[in-house]
């Protein structure tokens, strides 16, 4: 039987078999070669910390409202296939499928498992990959979407000075996108040395450690006391936000991309935030309508990111790190994504024999 990575309890993953099935006339079967999980919202569910467990977001009211007590999702209830995106080859196709061929290399959304059956008719999310496209670029479509949303919501323009706080996959890609947008200076901020090094290799002009350096002062020194025009904050950390406010130019903008948990204390709105007319914009690329609607939509952001990744304008090969074999993936998820995230940027899983 084919196998998959399964969350079996809060903070516990295992490799388990699953029941496969034949494809429908409109589906293709893909043999997965590489895959990657999310390190943000999926991790919250894995830890049993998601706000969606006890509450739900009501699209009409635009509020989180309590679930009916009988419909509450207990933390860790049930088992689910961990993973977000995968790359593989089509090994079967249904009789109604005309847009794809056997052996074609594709990328899609779904858990880390050996095979995926995917609807192949009018499905934007079954993406064809040219041979020149690294698999690491393909599985970074999801973080790229939110990085581009932050760049756009922060209104990064040619010549701007930018700082990116938090150097997971979203932050790493935001560094590259800021440079592509014409930023004259990009600083990368994260306490993890390996992530700072990756950002410098990705084009950052400077990299700073917020745990041991006065980042705000350093940003002001680098910009002749003006500060950075835009901060892209993917860290979702209140102490990082203090650093960001300290290094932001008067009247500058923070695009807050990270999905924060309740702050535990230490957020100080009475210092630079109060004196420097800072603008704080919450950025979530998939919230519709887009701030630039109707010209821009979530689909346009997705299409733009895929083209940039496909043409290798964004380089994700060093961002997907480490890459582990499928047999080690359950333990690697517990280690590199949950317990010791400082040892990774974005976990990759190889299912290639």
C-alpha atoms as a PDB file:
ATOM      1  CA  UNK A   1       0.000   0.000   0.000  1.00  0.00           C
ATOM      2  CA  UNK A   2       1.185   3.584  -0.614  1.00  0.00           C
ATOM      3  CA  UNK A   3       2.229   5.620   2.408  1.00  0.00           C
ATOM      4  CA  UNK A   4       1.858   9.149   3.701  1.00  0.00           C
ATOM      5  CA  UNK A   5       2.970  11.361   6.600  1.00  0.00           C
ATOM      6  CA  UNK A   6       0.175  11.620   9.151  1.00  0.00           C
ATOM      7  CA  UNK A   7      -0.386  13.788  12.221  1.00  0.00           C
ATOM      8  CA  UNK A   8      -1.646  11.196  14.707  1.00  0.00           C
ATOM      9  CA  UNK A   9      -1.753  13.385  17.850  1.00  0.00           C
ATOM     10  CA  UNK A  10      -0.659  16.897  18.836  1.00  0.00           C
ATOM     11  CA  UNK A  11       3.059  17.207  17.971  1.00  0.00           C
ATOM     12  CA  UNK A  12       3.309  13.571  16.823  1.00  0.00           C
ATOM     13  CA  UNK A  13       3.781  12.409  13.203  1.00  0.00           C
ATOM     14  CA  UNK A  14       4.095   8.950  11.662  1.00  0.00           C
ATOM     15  CA  UNK A  15       4.445   7.324   8.259  1.00  0.00           C
ATOM     16  CA  UNK A  16       1.327   5.246   7.635  1.00  0.00           C
ATOM     17  CA  UNK A  17      -0.236   3.399   4.704  1.00  0.00           C
ATOM     18  CA  UNK A  18      -3.387   4.721   3.085  1.00  0.00           C
ATOM     19  CA  UNK A  19      -5.974   3.210   0.789  1.00  0.00           C
ATOM     20  CA  UNK A  20      -5.381   4.157  -2.816  1.00  0.00           C
ATOM     21  CA  UNK A  21      -8.107   4.238  -5.460  1.00  0.00           C
ATOM     22  CA  UNK A  22      -8.427   4.331  -9.203  1.00  0.00           C
ATOM     23  CA  UNK A  23      -8.687   7.648 -11.011  1.00  0.00           C
ATOM     24  CA  UNK A  24     -11.921   9.131 -12.340  1.00  0.00           C
ATOM     25  CA  UNK A  25     -12.252  10.056 -16.036  1.00  0.00           C
ATOM     26  CA  UNK A  26     -11.267  13.668 -15.251  1.00  0.00           C
ATOM     27  CA  UNK A  27      -8.298  12.914 -12.987  1.00  0.00           C
ATOM     28  CA  UNK A  28      -4.601  12.168 -13.303  1.00  0.00           C
ATOM     29  CA  UNK A  29      -2.498  10.126 -10.908  1.00  0.00           C
ATOM     30  CA  UNK A  30       0.818  11.700  -9.982  1.00  0.00           C
ATOM     31  CA  UNK A  31       3.790   9.829  -8.531  1.00  0.00           C
ATOM     32  CA  UNK A  32       5.273  12.316  -6.084  1.00  0.00           C
ATOM     33  CA  UNK A  33       9.014  12.976  -6.244  1.00  0.00           C
ATOM     34  CA  UNK A  34       9.441  15.888  -3.824  1.00  0.00           C
ATOM     35  CA  UNK A  35       7.238  17.633  -1.282  1.00  0.00           C
ATOM     36  CA  UNK A  36       7.267  20.244   1.454  1.00  0.00           C
ATOM     37  CA  UNK A  37       5.059  21.214   4.414  1.00  0.00           C
ATOM     38  CA  UNK A  38       4.077  24.659   5.642  1.00  0.00           C
ATOM     39  CA  UNK A  39       5.897  26.033   8.669  1.00  0.00           C
ATOM     40  CA  UNK A  40       3.154  28.445   9.798  1.00  0.00           C
ATOM     41  CA  UNK A  41      -0.571  27.748   9.748  1.00  0.00           C
ATOM     42  CA  UNK A  42      -0.118  23.993   9.340  1.00  0.00           C
ATOM     43  CA  UNK A  43       2.249  23.932  12.311  1.00  0.00           C
ATOM     44  CA  UNK A  44      -0.369  25.688  14.456  1.00  0.00           C
ATOM     45  CA  UNK A  45      -2.784  22.857  13.688  1.00  0.00           C
ATOM     46  CA  UNK A  46      -0.080  20.253  14.381  1.00  0.00           C
ATOM     47  CA  UNK A  47       0.531  21.807  17.804  1.00  0.00           C
ATOM     48  CA  UNK A  48      -3.192  22.153  18.526  1.00  0.00           C
ATOM     49  CA  UNK A  49      -2.884  25.956  18.718  1.00  0.00           C
ATOM     50  CA  UNK A  50      -4.963  27.069  15.748  1.00  0.00           C
ATOM     51  CA  UNK A  51      -7.707  29.645  16.482  1.00  0.00           C
ATOM     52  CA  UNK A  52      -9.898  27.637  14.098  1.00  0.00           C
ATOM     53  CA  UNK A  53     -10.228  24.822  16.652  1.00  0.00           C
ATOM     54  CA  UNK A  54     -12.662  26.540  19.026  1.00  0.00           C
ATOM     55  CA  UNK A  55     -13.795  29.394  16.757  1.00  0.00           C
ATOM     56  CA  UNK A  56     -14.407  29.947  13.066  1.00  0.00           C
ATOM     57  CA  UNK A  57     -13.958  32.953  10.818  1.00  0.00           C
ATOM     58  CA  UNK A  58     -17.340  34.139   9.574  1.00  0.00           C
ATOM     59  CA  UNK A  59     -16.980  35.633   6.071  1.00  0.00           C
ATOM     60  CA  UNK A  60     -20.202  37.632   6.393  1.00  0.00           C
ATOM     61  CA  UNK A  61     -19.440  39.177   9.781  1.00  0.00           C
ATOM     62  CA  UNK A  62     -15.649  39.299   9.197  1.00  0.00           C
ATOM     63  CA  UNK A  63     -15.218  38.056  12.764  1.00  0.00           C
ATOM     64  CA  UNK A  64     -14.053  34.972  14.592  1.00  0.00           C
ATOM     65  CA  UNK A  65     -17.141  33.532  16.273  1.00  0.00           C
ATOM     66  CA  UNK A  66     -17.455  30.597  18.676  1.00  0.00           C
ATOM     67  CA  UNK A  67     -18.221  27.208  17.194  1.00  0.00           C
ATOM     68  CA  UNK A  68     -21.269  25.333  18.379  1.00  0.00           C
ATOM     69  CA  UNK A  69     -20.066  23.241  21.352  1.00  0.00           C
ATOM     70  CA  UNK A  70     -21.017  20.073  19.473  1.00  0.00           C
ATOM     71  CA  UNK A  71     -18.972  21.178  16.462  1.00  0.00           C
ATOM     72  CA  UNK A  72     -15.769  22.131  18.229  1.00  0.00           C
ATOM     73  CA  UNK A  73     -12.556  20.674  16.854  1.00  0.00           C
ATOM     74  CA  UNK A  74     -10.538  19.106  19.634  1.00  0.00           C
ATOM     75  CA  UNK A  75      -6.795  19.653  19.340  1.00  0.00           C
ATOM     76  CA  UNK A  76      -5.310  16.662  17.579  1.00  0.00           C
ATOM     77  CA  UNK A  77      -8.683  15.037  16.888  1.00  0.00           C
ATOM     78  CA  UNK A  78      -8.540  12.682  13.921  1.00  0.00           C
ATOM     79  CA  UNK A  79      -5.585  12.021  11.676  1.00  0.00           C
ATOM     80  CA  UNK A  80      -4.583  14.171   8.728  1.00  0.00           C
ATOM     81  CA  UNK A  81      -2.002  14.104   5.974  1.00  0.00           C
ATOM     82  CA  UNK A  82       0.754  16.624   6.742  1.00  0.00           C
ATOM     83  CA  UNK A  83       2.071  18.657   3.838  1.00  0.00           C
ATOM     84  CA  UNK A  84       1.375  21.562   1.537  1.00  0.00           C
ATOM     85  CA  UNK A  85       2.913  21.254  -1.936  1.00  0.00           C
ATOM     86  CA  UNK A  86       4.450  18.500  -4.035  1.00  0.00           C
ATOM     87  CA  UNK A  87       6.178  17.869  -7.374  1.00  0.00           C
ATOM     88  CA  UNK A  88       5.803  14.672  -9.382  1.00  0.00           C
ATOM     89  CA  UNK A  89       5.185  12.958 -12.725  1.00  0.00           C
ATOM     90  CA  UNK A  90       1.845  11.925 -14.225  1.00  0.00           C
ATOM     91  CA  UNK A  91       1.654   8.117 -14.364  1.00  0.00           C
ATOM     92  CA  UNK A  92      -2.048   7.703 -15.272  1.00  0.00           C
ATOM     93  CA  UNK A  93      -4.672   9.945 -16.836  1.00  0.00           C
ATOM     94  CA  UNK A  94      -8.425   9.686 -17.192  1.00  0.00           C
ATOM     95  CA  UNK A  95     -10.167   9.431 -20.551  1.00  0.00           C
ATOM     96  CA  UNK A  96     -11.566  12.978 -20.340  1.00  0.00           C
ATOM     97  CA  UNK A  97      -8.179  14.592 -19.646  1.00  0.00           C
ATOM     98  CA  UNK A  98      -6.740  16.400 -22.672  1.00  0.00           C
ATOM     99  CA  UNK A  99      -4.407  19.076 -21.278  1.00  0.00           C
ATOM    100  CA  UNK A 100      -1.807  16.811 -19.676  1.00  0.00           C
ATOM    101  CA  UNK A 101       0.400  13.941 -20.851  1.00  0.00           C
ATOM    102  CA  UNK A 102       1.872  10.840 -19.213  1.00  0.00           C
ATOM    103  CA  UNK A 103       5.311  11.557 -17.833  1.00  0.00           C
ATOM    104  CA  UNK A 104       4.650  15.283 -17.585  1.00  0.00           C
ATOM    105  CA  UNK A 105       6.143  17.029 -14.551  1.00  0.00           C
ATOM    106  CA  UNK A 106       3.625  18.935 -12.451  1.00  0.00           C
ATOM    107  CA  UNK A 107       3.225  20.687  -9.116  1.00  0.00           C
ATOM    108  CA  UNK A 108       0.147  20.693  -6.916  1.00  0.00           C
ATOM    109  CA  UNK A 109      -1.218  21.218  -3.436  1.00  0.00           C
ATOM    110  CA  UNK A 110      -1.675  18.373  -0.970  1.00  0.00           C
ATOM    111  CA  UNK A 111      -0.103  16.298   1.777  1.00  0.00           C
ATOM    112  CA  UNK A 112       3.195  14.444   1.675  1.00  0.00           C
ATOM    113  CA  UNK A 113       2.319  11.039   0.228  1.00  0.00           C
ATOM    114  CA  UNK A 114       3.520   8.744  -2.521  1.00  0.00           C
ATOM    115  CA  UNK A 115       0.682   9.365  -5.008  1.00  0.00           C
ATOM    116  CA  UNK A 116      -1.953  12.029  -5.600  1.00  0.00           C
ATOM    117  CA  UNK A 117      -5.136  11.750  -7.656  1.00  0.00           C
ATOM    118  CA  UNK A 118      -5.868  15.229  -8.999  1.00  0.00           C
ATOM    119  CA  UNK A 119      -8.711  16.740 -10.997  1.00  0.00           C
ATOM    120  CA  UNK A 120      -7.041  17.737 -14.278  1.00  0.00           C
ATOM    121  CA  UNK A 121      -9.850  19.692 -15.953  1.00  0.00           C
ATOM    122  CA  UNK A 122      -9.862  23.469 -15.456  1.00  0.00           C
ATOM    123  CA  UNK A 123      -7.653  23.139 -12.373  1.00  0.00           C
ATOM    124  CA  UNK A 124      -5.260  26.077 -11.996  1.00  0.00           C
ATOM    125  CA  UNK A 125      -3.526  24.293  -9.131  1.00  0.00           C
ATOM    126  CA  UNK A 126      -2.221  21.446 -11.287  1.00  0.00           C
ATOM    127  CA  UNK A 127       0.725  23.441 -12.589  1.00  0.00           C
ATOM    128  CA  UNK A 128       2.948  22.335 -15.453  1.00  0.00           C
ATOM    129  CA  UNK A 129       6.684  22.662 -14.833  1.00  0.00           C
ATOM    130  CA  UNK A 130       9.356  23.283 -17.461  1.00  0.00           C
ATOM    131  CA  UNK A 131      12.455  21.093 -17.199  1.00  0.00           C
ATOM    132  CA  UNK A 132      14.505  24.171 -16.281  1.00  0.00           C
ATOM    133  CA  UNK A 133      12.452  24.814 -13.125  1.00  0.00           C
ATOM    134  CA  UNK A 134      13.978  23.478  -9.877  1.00  0.00           C
ATOM    135  CA  UNK A 135      11.522  21.514  -7.748  1.00  0.00           C
ATOM    136  CA  UNK A 136      12.426  23.763  -4.824  1.00  0.00           C
ATOM    137  CA  UNK A 137      10.997  26.743  -6.715  1.00  0.00           C
ATOM    138  CA  UNK A 138       7.735  24.887  -7.340  1.00  0.00           C
ATOM    139  CA  UNK A 139       7.103  23.964  -3.695  1.00  0.00           C
ATOM    140  CA  UNK A 140       7.792  27.584  -2.716  1.00  0.00           C
ATOM    141  CA  UNK A 141       4.803  28.959  -4.622  1.00  0.00           C
ATOM    142  CA  UNK A 142       2.801  29.201  -1.392  1.00  0.00           C
ATOM    143  CA  UNK A 143       5.338  31.284   0.581  1.00  0.00           C
ATOM    144  CA  UNK A 144       6.053  33.381  -2.518  1.00  0.00           C
ATOM    145  CA  UNK A 145       2.386  34.367  -2.724  1.00  0.00           C
ATOM    146  CA  UNK A 146       2.439  35.875   0.757  1.00  0.00           C
ATOM    147  CA  UNK A 147       5.843  37.469   0.234  1.00  0.00           C
ATOM    148  CA  UNK A 148       4.577  39.237  -2.895  1.00  0.00           C
ATOM    149  CA  UNK A 149       1.440  40.291  -1.033  1.00  0.00           C
ATOM    150  CA  UNK A 150       3.626  41.922   1.620  1.00  0.00           C
ATOM    151  CA  UNK A 151       5.793  43.686  -0.946  1.00  0.00           C
ATOM    152  CA  UNK A 152       2.707  45.074  -2.687  1.00  0.00           C
ATOM    153  CA  UNK A 153       0.879  46.013   0.521  1.00  0.00           C
ATOM    154  CA  UNK A 154       4.033  47.777   1.757  1.00  0.00           C
ATOM    155  CA  UNK A 155       4.181  49.706  -1.568  1.00  0.00           C
ATOM    156  CA  UNK A 156       7.865  48.941  -2.115  1.00  0.00           C
ATOM    157  CA  UNK A 157       9.114  51.117  -4.970  1.00  0.00           C
ATOM    158  CA  UNK A 158      12.355  51.581  -6.878  1.00  0.00           C
ATOM    159  CA  UNK A 159      14.947  53.210  -4.660  1.00  0.00           C
ATOM    160  CA  UNK A 160      13.204  52.362  -1.378  1.00  0.00           C
ATOM    161  CA  UNK A 161      15.115  51.049   1.607  1.00  0.00           C
ATOM    162  CA  UNK A 162      13.563  47.894   3.025  1.00  0.00           C
ATOM    163  CA  UNK A 163      14.033  45.629   6.024  1.00  0.00           C
ATOM    164  CA  UNK A 164      12.636  42.099   6.175  1.00  0.00           C
ATOM    165  CA  UNK A 165      12.063  40.697   9.669  1.00  0.00           C
ATOM    166  CA  UNK A 166      11.798  36.904   9.931  1.00  0.00           C
ATOM    167  CA  UNK A 167      13.753  34.808   7.449  1.00  0.00           C
ATOM    168  CA  UNK A 168      11.701  31.685   6.999  1.00  0.00           C
ATOM    169  CA  UNK A 169      10.647  30.913   3.437  1.00  0.00           C
ATOM    170  CA  UNK A 170       8.311  33.937   3.178  1.00  0.00           C
ATOM    171  CA  UNK A 171      10.977  36.320   4.451  1.00  0.00           C
ATOM    172  CA  UNK A 172      13.711  34.862   2.255  1.00  0.00           C
ATOM    173  CA  UNK A 173      11.548  35.317  -0.828  1.00  0.00           C
ATOM    174  CA  UNK A 174      10.525  38.821   0.304  1.00  0.00           C
ATOM    175  CA  UNK A 175      14.219  39.785   0.317  1.00  0.00           C
ATOM    176  CA  UNK A 176      14.540  38.695  -3.313  1.00  0.00           C
ATOM    177  CA  UNK A 177      11.270  40.330  -4.359  1.00  0.00           C
ATOM    178  CA  UNK A 178      12.270  43.634  -2.746  1.00  0.00           C
ATOM    179  CA  UNK A 179      15.422  43.593  -4.848  1.00  0.00           C
ATOM    180  CA  UNK A 180      13.408  42.732  -7.968  1.00  0.00           C
ATOM    181  CA  UNK A 181      11.132  45.690  -7.180  1.00  0.00           C
ATOM    182  CA  UNK A 182      14.157  47.998  -7.264  1.00  0.00           C
ATOM    183  CA  UNK A 183      14.905  48.508  -3.573  1.00  0.00           C
ATOM    184  CA  UNK A 184      18.265  50.224  -3.161  1.00  0.00           C
ATOM    185  CA  UNK A 185      18.928  48.617   0.232  1.00  0.00           C
ATOM    186  CA  UNK A 186      17.503  45.480   1.823  1.00  0.00           C
ATOM    187  CA  UNK A 187      18.347  44.410   5.362  1.00  0.00           C
ATOM    188  CA  UNK A 188      17.500  40.907   6.569  1.00  0.00           C
ATOM    189  CA  UNK A 189      16.755  40.382  10.261  1.00  0.00           C
ATOM    190  CA  UNK A 190      16.605  37.055  12.107  1.00  0.00           C
ATOM    191  CA  UNK A 191      18.306  35.556  15.175  1.00  0.00           C
ATOM    192  CA  UNK A 192      19.282  32.359  13.285  1.00  0.00           C
ATOM    193  CA  UNK A 193      22.750  32.624  11.644  1.00  0.00           C
ATOM    194  CA  UNK A 194      22.017  30.159   8.821  1.00  0.00           C
ATOM    195  CA  UNK A 195      18.942  32.086   7.785  1.00  0.00           C
ATOM    196  CA  UNK A 196      20.844  35.377   7.753  1.00  0.00           C
ATOM    197  CA  UNK A 197      23.539  33.776   5.588  1.00  0.00           C
ATOM    198  CA  UNK A 198      20.930  32.466   3.141  1.00  0.00           C
ATOM    199  CA  UNK A 199      19.386  35.940   2.883  1.00  0.00           C
ATOM    200  CA  UNK A 200      22.772  37.507   2.102  1.00  0.00           C
ATOM    201  CA  UNK A 201      23.290  34.933  -0.636  1.00  0.00           C
ATOM    202  CA  UNK A 202      19.800  35.813  -1.871  1.00  0.00           C
ATOM    203  CA  UNK A 203      20.734  39.474  -2.327  1.00  0.00           C
ATOM    204  CA  UNK A 204      20.342  41.178   1.066  1.00  0.00           C
ATOM    205  CA  UNK A 205      22.715  44.092   1.615  1.00  0.00           C
ATOM    206  CA  UNK A 206      22.981  43.542   5.365  1.00  0.00           C
ATOM    207  CA  UNK A 207      21.873  40.950   7.913  1.00  0.00           C
ATOM    208  CA  UNK A 208      21.310  41.597  11.596  1.00  0.00           C
ATOM    209  CA  UNK A 209      20.676  39.556  14.738  1.00  0.00           C
ATOM    210  CA  UNK A 210      17.818  41.042  16.804  1.00  0.00           C
ATOM    211  CA  UNK A 211      18.757  38.917  19.811  1.00  0.00           C
ATOM    212  CA  UNK A 212      22.154  40.585  20.178  1.00  0.00           C
ATOM    213  CA  UNK A 213      22.054  43.841  18.205  1.00  0.00           C
ATOM    214  CA  UNK A 214      20.132  47.114  18.332  1.00  0.00           C
ATOM    215  CA  UNK A 215      18.632  46.535  14.901  1.00  0.00           C
ATOM    216  CA  UNK A 216      16.664  49.773  14.838  1.00  0.00           C
ATOM    217  CA  UNK A 217      19.790  51.826  15.477  1.00  0.00           C
ATOM    218  CA  UNK A 218      21.743  49.858  12.866  1.00  0.00           C
ATOM    219  CA  UNK A 219      19.052  50.471  10.256  1.00  0.00           C
ATOM    220  CA  UNK A 220      19.158  54.186  11.026  1.00  0.00           C
ATOM    221  CA  UNK A 221      22.972  54.186  10.789  1.00  0.00           C
ATOM    222  CA  UNK A 222      22.831  52.418   7.404  1.00  0.00           C
ATOM    223  CA  UNK A 223      20.374  55.003   6.052  1.00  0.00           C
ATOM    224  CA  UNK A 224      21.999  58.213   7.304  1.00  0.00           C
ATOM    225  CA  UNK A 225      19.536  58.458  10.229  1.00  0.00           C
ATOM    226  CA  UNK A 226      16.417  58.268   8.018  1.00  0.00           C
ATOM    227  CA  UNK A 227      15.445  54.638   8.630  1.00  0.00           C
ATOM    228  CA  UNK A 228      13.914  52.200   6.160  1.00  0.00           C
ATOM    229  CA  UNK A 229      10.909  53.185   4.075  1.00  0.00           C
ATOM    230  CA  UNK A 230       9.239  49.777   4.385  1.00  0.00           C
ATOM    231  CA  UNK A 231       9.422  46.843   6.769  1.00  0.00           C
ATOM    232  CA  UNK A 232       8.104  43.446   5.740  1.00  0.00           C
ATOM    233  CA  UNK A 233       7.475  41.605   9.012  1.00  0.00           C
ATOM    234  CA  UNK A 234       6.986  37.861   8.634  1.00  0.00           C
ATOM    235  CA  UNK A 235       8.193  37.006  12.142  1.00  0.00           C
ATOM    236  CA  UNK A 236       4.874  37.522  13.990  1.00  0.00           C
ATOM    237  CA  UNK A 237       6.949  38.359  17.066  1.00  0.00           C
ATOM    238  CA  UNK A 238       6.215  41.380  19.245  1.00  0.00           C
ATOM    239  CA  UNK A 239       9.894  42.015  20.052  1.00  0.00           C
ATOM    240  CA  UNK A 240      10.709  42.013  16.346  1.00  0.00           C
ATOM    241  CA  UNK A 241       7.919  44.542  15.844  1.00  0.00           C
ATOM    242  CA  UNK A 242       9.577  46.806  18.421  1.00  0.00           C
ATOM    243  CA  UNK A 243      12.851  46.592  16.450  1.00  0.00           C
ATOM    244  CA  UNK A 244      10.949  47.293  13.230  1.00  0.00           C
ATOM    245  CA  UNK A 245       9.267  50.397  14.619  1.00  0.00           C
ATOM    246  CA  UNK A 246      12.627  51.624  15.902  1.00  0.00           C
ATOM    247  CA  UNK A 247      14.302  51.283  12.502  1.00  0.00           C
ATOM    248  CA  UNK A 248      11.396  52.532  10.394  1.00  0.00           C
ATOM    249  CA  UNK A 249      11.625  55.949   8.739  1.00  0.00           C
ATOM    250  CA  UNK A 250       9.257  58.693   9.903  1.00  0.00           C
ATOM    251  CA  UNK A 251       5.937  58.001   8.145  1.00  0.00           C
ATOM    252  CA  UNK A 252       7.180  54.637   6.883  1.00  0.00           C
ATOM    253  CA  UNK A 253       5.081  51.498   6.483  1.00  0.00           C
ATOM    254  CA  UNK A 254       5.201  48.081   8.110  1.00  0.00           C
ATOM    255  CA  UNK A 255       3.493  45.331   6.115  1.00  0.00           C
ATOM    256  CA  UNK A 256       2.667  42.762   8.771  1.00  0.00           C
ATOM    257  CA  UNK A 257       2.620  39.410   6.963  1.00  0.00           C
ATOM    258  CA  UNK A 258       3.204  36.942   9.811  1.00  0.00           C
ATOM    259  CA  UNK A 259       0.264  35.050  11.321  1.00  0.00           C
ATOM    260  CA  UNK A 260       0.669  36.069  14.959  1.00  0.00           C
ATOM    261  CA  UNK A 261      -0.364  34.277  18.128  1.00  0.00           C
ATOM    262  CA  UNK A 262      -1.451  36.320  21.161  1.00  0.00           C
ATOM    263  CA  UNK A 263       1.425  38.527  22.245  1.00  0.00           C
ATOM    264  CA  UNK A 264       2.831  37.570  25.633  1.00  0.00           C
ATOM    265  CA  UNK A 265       4.016  41.057  26.543  1.00  0.00           C
ATOM    266  CA  UNK A 266       6.796  43.461  25.653  1.00  0.00           C
ATOM    267  CA  UNK A 267       5.021  45.365  22.882  1.00  0.00           C
ATOM    268  CA  UNK A 268       5.742  49.053  23.500  1.00  0.00           C
ATOM    269  CA  UNK A 269       3.544  51.474  21.523  1.00  0.00           C
ATOM    270  CA  UNK A 270       4.738  54.472  23.567  1.00  0.00           C
ATOM    271  CA  UNK A 271       8.144  54.901  21.961  1.00  0.00           C
ATOM    272  CA  UNK A 272       8.948  55.154  18.211  1.00  0.00           C
ATOM    273  CA  UNK A 273       5.440  54.038  17.202  1.00  0.00           C
ATOM    274  CA  UNK A 274       3.924  57.043  18.968  1.00  0.00           C
ATOM    275  CA  UNK A 275       6.473  59.632  17.835  1.00  0.00           C
ATOM    276  CA  UNK A 276       7.221  58.664  14.239  1.00  0.00           C
ATOM    277  CA  UNK A 277       3.807  58.437  12.551  1.00  0.00           C
ATOM    278  CA  UNK A 278       4.328  54.803  11.633  1.00  0.00           C
ATOM    279  CA  UNK A 279       1.833  53.037   9.397  1.00  0.00           C
ATOM    280  CA  UNK A 280       1.017  49.408  10.158  1.00  0.00           C
ATOM    281  CA  UNK A 281      -0.735  47.427   7.409  1.00  0.00           C
ATOM    282  CA  UNK A 282      -1.851  43.840   7.937  1.00  0.00           C
ATOM    283  CA  UNK A 283      -1.093  41.830   4.833  1.00  0.00           C
ATOM    284  CA  UNK A 284      -2.733  38.535   3.816  1.00  0.00           C
ATOM    285  CA  UNK A 285      -2.519  37.896   0.091  1.00  0.00           C
ATOM    286  CA  UNK A 286      -5.469  35.493  -0.026  1.00  0.00           C
ATOM    287  CA  UNK A 287      -7.941  37.851   1.682  1.00  0.00           C
ATOM    288  CA  UNK A 288     -10.343  39.098  -0.957  1.00  0.00           C
ATOM    289  CA  UNK A 289     -10.954  41.642  -2.277  1.00  0.00           C
ATOM    290  CA  UNK A 290      -7.297  42.539  -2.693  1.00  0.00           C
ATOM    291  CA  UNK A 291      -6.335  46.089  -1.598  1.00  0.00           C
ATOM    292  CA  UNK A 292      -5.742  46.869  -5.290  1.00  0.00           C
ATOM    293  CA  UNK A 293      -8.994  45.287  -6.487  1.00  0.00           C
ATOM    294  CA  UNK A 294     -10.185  45.061  -9.228  1.00  0.00           C
ATOM    295  CA  UNK A 295      -6.796  45.359 -10.952  1.00  0.00           C
ATOM    296  CA  UNK A 296      -5.210  42.811  -8.642  1.00  0.00           C
ATOM    297  CA  UNK A 297      -6.704  39.653  -7.171  1.00  0.00           C
ATOM    298  CA  UNK A 298      -5.343  36.648  -5.333  1.00  0.00           C
ATOM    299  CA  UNK A 299      -5.273  34.765  -8.636  1.00  0.00           C
ATOM    300  CA  UNK A 300      -3.159  37.476 -10.254  1.00  0.00           C
ATOM    301  CA  UNK A 301      -0.706  37.259  -7.348  1.00  0.00           C
ATOM    302  CA  UNK A 302      -0.562  33.464  -7.762  1.00  0.00           C
ATOM    303  CA  UNK A 303       0.008  33.711 -11.505  1.00  0.00           C
ATOM    304  CA  UNK A 304       2.698  36.373 -11.082  1.00  0.00           C
ATOM    305  CA  UNK A 305       4.569  34.309  -8.494  1.00  0.00           C
ATOM    306  CA  UNK A 306       4.407  31.155 -10.605  1.00  0.00           C
ATOM    307  CA  UNK A 307       5.881  33.003 -13.589  1.00  0.00           C
ATOM    308  CA  UNK A 308       8.704  34.443 -11.470  1.00  0.00           C
ATOM    309  CA  UNK A 309       9.480  31.017 -10.013  1.00  0.00           C
ATOM    310  CA  UNK A 310       9.174  29.275 -13.371  1.00  0.00           C
ATOM    311  CA  UNK A 311      11.590  31.741 -14.997  1.00  0.00           C
ATOM    312  CA  UNK A 312      13.997  31.419 -12.025  1.00  0.00           C
ATOM    313  CA  UNK A 313      13.691  35.112 -11.174  1.00  0.00           C
ATOM    314  CA  UNK A 314      13.314  33.854  -7.590  1.00  0.00           C
ATOM    315  CA  UNK A 315      15.860  31.274  -6.387  1.00  0.00           C
ATOM    316  CA  UNK A 316      14.543  28.856  -3.757  1.00  0.00           C
ATOM    317  CA  UNK A 317      17.180  26.135  -3.886  1.00  0.00           C
ATOM    318  CA  UNK A 318      18.887  27.297  -0.684  1.00  0.00           C
ATOM    319  CA  UNK A 319      15.548  28.113   0.968  1.00  0.00           C
ATOM    320  CA  UNK A 320      14.340  24.487   0.970  1.00  0.00           C
ATOM    321  CA  UNK A 321      16.647  23.217   3.699  1.00  0.00           C
ATOM    322  CA  UNK A 322      17.168  20.573   4.918  1.00  0.00           C
ATOM    323  CA  UNK A 323      15.982  17.954   2.415  1.00  0.00           C
ATOM    324  CA  UNK A 324      15.388  14.521   3.944  1.00  0.00           C
ATOM    325  CA  UNK A 325      14.372  11.145   2.480  1.00  0.00           C
ATOM    326  CA  UNK A 326      10.726  10.143   2.817  1.00  0.00           C
ATOM    327  CA  UNK A 327      11.562   7.419   5.351  1.00  0.00           C
ATOM    328  CA  UNK A 328      12.850  10.096   7.752  1.00  0.00           C
ATOM    329  CA  UNK A 329      10.138  12.673   7.067  1.00  0.00           C
ATOM    330  CA  UNK A 330       7.921  12.105  10.116  1.00  0.00           C
ATOM    331  CA  UNK A 331      10.798  12.519  12.552  1.00  0.00           C
ATOM    332  CA  UNK A 332      12.187  15.399  10.488  1.00  0.00           C
ATOM    333  CA  UNK A 333       8.853  17.223  10.662  1.00  0.00           C
ATOM    334  CA  UNK A 334       8.747  16.863  14.447  1.00  0.00           C
ATOM    335  CA  UNK A 335      12.358  18.040  14.686  1.00  0.00           C
ATOM    336  CA  UNK A 336      12.960  20.701  12.020  1.00  0.00           C
ATOM    337  CA  UNK A 337       9.469  22.190  11.809  1.00  0.00           C
ATOM    338  CA  UNK A 338       8.132  21.845  15.364  1.00  0.00           C
ATOM    339  CA  UNK A 339      10.762  21.348  18.083  1.00  0.00           C
ATOM    340  CA  UNK A 340      13.954  22.802  16.568  1.00  0.00           C
ATOM    341  CA  UNK A 341      12.894  25.185  13.784  1.00  0.00           C
ATOM    342  CA  UNK A 342      16.187  27.079  14.012  1.00  0.00           C
ATOM    343  CA  UNK A 343      17.790  24.109  12.225  1.00  0.00           C
ATOM    344  CA  UNK A 344      15.779  24.647   9.046  1.00  0.00           C
ATOM    345  CA  UNK A 345      14.341  27.222   6.672  1.00  0.00           C
ATOM    346  CA  UNK A 346      11.709  25.175   4.801  1.00  0.00           C
ATOM    347  CA  UNK A 347      11.765  21.395   5.094  1.00  0.00           C
ATOM    348  CA  UNK A 348      11.999  19.410   1.862  1.00  0.00           C
ATOM    349  CA  UNK A 349      11.164  15.711   1.455  1.00  0.00           C
ATOM    350  CA  UNK A 350      12.556  13.512  -1.315  1.00  0.00           C
ATOM    351  CA  UNK A 351      10.527  10.499  -2.464  1.00  0.00           C
ATOM    352  CA  UNK A 352      12.949   9.707  -5.291  1.00  0.00           C
ATOM    353  CA  UNK A 353      14.369   6.184  -5.040  1.00  0.00           C
END
